[in-house]
Amino acid sequence: MATLINDRIDVRISKEQKELIKFASELSGFKNLTEFVVFCINKEANKIIIENNQVLKSIEDKKIFIDAILNPPQPNTKLKKAQSNYLKFLESNEVNNSKV
């Protein structure tokens, strides 16, 4: 049978923060503040992990993404044309906005 080992985290918060958290804990029906805090931290940690894995599902995806950020490819013809069109768009809007 596995032995359950409890660990601790110490957190310093303001009195106002503690009162707010305690009130939310009571409203939510938790037996004590610790139970509420552990529940909320666990929920948020799982949410962060799920969100992170939705964007970049594997370690390989993350490596490819980081490599693309650190070593971007040279702009191709289509990208250069898109930038040119965007700059023309901005210039035409500046002219139209100054007339108004």
C-alpha atoms as a PDB file:
ATOM      1  CA  MET A   1       0.000   0.000   0.000  1.00  0.00           C
ATOM      2  CA  ALA A   2       1.358   3.430  -0.991  1.00  0.00           C
ATOM      3  CA  THR A   3       2.204   5.836   1.775  1.00  0.00           C
ATOM      4  CA  LEU A   4       0.753   9.331   1.487  1.00  0.00           C
ATOM      5  CA  ILE A   5       3.401  11.972   2.150  1.00  0.00           C
ATOM      6  CA  ASN A   6       2.162  15.466   2.830  1.00  0.00           C
ATOM      7  CA  ASP A   7       4.306  18.379   1.755  1.00  0.00           C
ATOM      8  CA  ARG A   8       4.032  22.080   2.600  1.00  0.00           C
ATOM      9  CA  ILE A   9       4.106  25.405   0.856  1.00  0.00           C
ATOM     10  CA  ASP A  10       4.445  28.627   2.788  1.00  0.00           C
ATOM     11  CA  VAL A  11       2.879  31.739   1.284  1.00  0.00           C
ATOM     12  CA  ARG A  12       2.867  35.241   2.644  1.00  0.00           C
ATOM     13  CA  ILE A  13      -0.165  37.339   1.769  1.00  0.00           C
ATOM     14  CA  SER A  14      -1.717  40.500   3.101  1.00  0.00           C
ATOM     15  CA  LYS A  15      -4.443  40.385   5.730  1.00  0.00           C
ATOM     16  CA  GLU A  16      -6.901  41.711   3.116  1.00  0.00           C
ATOM     17  CA  GLN A  17      -6.002  38.939   0.683  1.00  0.00           C
ATOM     18  CA  LYS A  18      -6.437  36.307   3.387  1.00  0.00           C
ATOM     19  CA  GLU A  19      -9.848  37.683   4.358  1.00  0.00           C
ATOM     20  CA  LEU A  20     -10.947  37.726   0.719  1.00  0.00           C
ATOM     21  CA  ILE A  21      -9.792  34.139   0.162  1.00  0.00           C
ATOM     22  CA  LYS A  22     -11.352  33.002   3.427  1.00  0.00           C
ATOM     23  CA  PHE A  23     -14.675  34.596   2.461  1.00  0.00           C
ATOM     24  CA  ALA A  24     -14.613  32.930  -0.971  1.00  0.00           C
ATOM     25  CA  SER A  25     -13.793  29.626   0.715  1.00  0.00           C
ATOM     26  CA  GLU A  26     -16.776  29.934   3.029  1.00  0.00           C
ATOM     27  CA  LEU A  27     -19.079  30.901   0.163  1.00  0.00           C
ATOM     28  CA  SER A  28     -17.900  27.858  -1.783  1.00  0.00           C
ATOM     29  CA  GLY A  29     -18.608  25.524   1.117  1.00  0.00           C
ATOM     30  CA  PHE A  30     -15.089  24.262   1.774  1.00  0.00           C
ATOM     31  CA  LYS A  31     -14.331  22.867   5.232  1.00  0.00           C
ATOM     32  CA  ASN A  32     -11.246  24.994   5.681  1.00  0.00           C
ATOM     33  CA  LEU A  33      -9.006  27.506   3.973  1.00  0.00           C
ATOM     34  CA  THR A  34      -6.320  24.954   3.128  1.00  0.00           C
ATOM     35  CA  GLU A  35      -8.789  22.734   1.272  1.00  0.00           C
ATOM     36  CA  PHE A  36      -9.986  25.725  -0.753  1.00  0.00           C
ATOM     37  CA  VAL A  37      -6.481  26.937  -1.598  1.00  0.00           C
ATOM     38  CA  VAL A  38      -5.324  23.471  -2.669  1.00  0.00           C
ATOM     39  CA  PHE A  39      -8.454  23.039  -4.805  1.00  0.00           C
ATOM     40  CA  CYS A  40      -7.971  26.400  -6.543  1.00  0.00           C
ATOM     41  CA  ILE A  41      -4.238  25.934  -7.120  1.00  0.00           C
ATOM     42  CA  ASN A  42      -4.802  22.447  -8.513  1.00  0.00           C
ATOM     43  CA  LYS A  43      -7.577  23.675 -10.807  1.00  0.00           C
ATOM     44  CA  GLU A  44      -5.484  26.572 -12.123  1.00  0.00           C
ATOM     45  CA  ALA A  45      -2.378  24.401 -12.610  1.00  0.00           C
ATOM     46  CA  ASN A  46      -4.379  21.895 -14.667  1.00  0.00           C
ATOM     47  CA  LYS A  47      -5.909  24.716 -16.720  1.00  0.00           C
ATOM     48  CA  ILE A  48      -2.461  26.159 -17.499  1.00  0.00           C
ATOM     49  CA  ILE A  49      -1.104  22.753 -18.516  1.00  0.00           C
ATOM     50  CA  ILE A  50      -4.109  22.029 -20.759  1.00  0.00           C
ATOM     51  CA  GLU A  51      -3.873  25.466 -22.424  1.00  0.00           C
ATOM     52  CA  ASN A  52      -0.145  25.029 -22.951  1.00  0.00           C
ATOM     53  CA  ASN A  53      -0.589  21.605 -24.501  1.00  0.00           C
ATOM     54  CA  GLN A  54      -3.320  22.826 -26.850  1.00  0.00           C
ATOM     55  CA  VAL A  55      -0.995  25.289 -28.533  1.00  0.00           C
ATOM     56  CA  LEU A  56       2.143  23.178 -28.702  1.00  0.00           C
ATOM     57  CA  LYS A  57       1.250  19.545 -28.159  1.00  0.00           C
ATOM     58  CA  SER A  58       4.666  17.918 -28.105  1.00  0.00           C
ATOM     59  CA  ILE A  59       8.220  18.745 -27.117  1.00  0.00           C
ATOM     60  CA  GLU A  60       9.101  18.566 -30.821  1.00  0.00           C
ATOM     61  CA  ASP A  61       6.411  21.198 -31.607  1.00  0.00           C
ATOM     62  CA  LYS A  62       7.891  23.439 -28.920  1.00  0.00           C
ATOM     63  CA  LYS A  63      11.426  22.991 -30.314  1.00  0.00           C
ATOM     64  CA  ILE A  64      10.232  23.852 -33.841  1.00  0.00           C
ATOM     65  CA  PHE A  65       8.410  26.939 -32.543  1.00  0.00           C
ATOM     66  CA  ILE A  66      11.401  28.195 -30.536  1.00  0.00           C
ATOM     67  CA  ASP A  67      13.729  27.545 -33.476  1.00  0.00           C
ATOM     68  CA  ALA A  68      11.440  29.557 -35.774  1.00  0.00           C
ATOM     69  CA  ILE A  69      11.450  32.451 -33.291  1.00  0.00           C
ATOM     70  CA  LEU A  70      15.216  32.389 -32.732  1.00  0.00           C
ATOM     71  CA  ASN A  71      16.147  31.657 -36.369  1.00  0.00           C
ATOM     72  CA  PRO A  72      13.412  33.116 -38.575  1.00  0.00           C
ATOM     73  CA  PRO A  73      13.550  32.310 -42.303  1.00  0.00           C
ATOM     74  CA  GLN A  74      14.266  35.061 -44.832  1.00  0.00           C
ATOM     75  CA  PRO A  75      11.102  36.816 -46.099  1.00  0.00           C
ATOM     76  CA  ASN A  76       9.825  35.357 -49.368  1.00  0.00           C
ATOM     77  CA  THR A  77       8.201  37.251 -52.256  1.00  0.00           C
ATOM     78  CA  LYS A  78       4.663  36.889 -50.911  1.00  0.00           C
ATOM     79  CA  LEU A  79       5.640  38.233 -47.491  1.00  0.00           C
ATOM     80  CA  LYS A  80       7.469  41.192 -49.043  1.00  0.00           C
ATOM     81  CA  LYS A  81       4.427  41.976 -51.198  1.00  0.00           C
ATOM     82  CA  ALA A  82       2.117  41.730 -48.167  1.00  0.00           C
ATOM     83  CA  GLN A  83       4.335  44.172 -46.264  1.00  0.00           C
ATOM     84  CA  SER A  84       4.338  46.568 -49.209  1.00  0.00           C
ATOM     85  CA  ASN A  85       0.540  46.401 -49.449  1.00  0.00           C
ATOM     86  CA  TYR A  86       0.228  46.985 -45.709  1.00  0.00           C
ATOM     87  CA  LEU A  87       2.498  50.045 -45.830  1.00  0.00           C
ATOM     88  CA  LYS A  88       0.482  51.457 -48.749  1.00  0.00           C
ATOM     89  CA  PHE A  89      -2.701  50.839 -46.758  1.00  0.00           C
ATOM     90  CA  LEU A  90      -1.278  52.702 -43.753  1.00  0.00           C
ATOM     91  CA  GLU A  91      -0.163  55.610 -45.925  1.00  0.00           C
ATOM     92  CA  SER A  92      -3.563  55.934 -47.579  1.00  0.00           C
ATOM     93  CA  ASN A  93      -5.299  55.879 -44.175  1.00  0.00           C
ATOM     94  CA  GLU A  94      -2.960  58.584 -42.858  1.00  0.00           C
ATOM     95  CA  VAL A  95      -3.859  60.800 -45.808  1.00  0.00           C
ATOM     96  CA  ASN A  96      -7.600  60.123 -45.361  1.00  0.00           C
ATOM     97  CA  ASN A  97      -7.419  60.710 -41.595  1.00  0.00           C
ATOM     98  CA  SER A  98      -5.576  64.023 -41.992  1.00  0.00           C
ATOM     99  CA  LYS A  99      -8.326  65.302 -44.356  1.00  0.00           C
ATOM    100  CA  VAL A 100     -11.079  64.617 -41.831  1.00  0.00           C
END
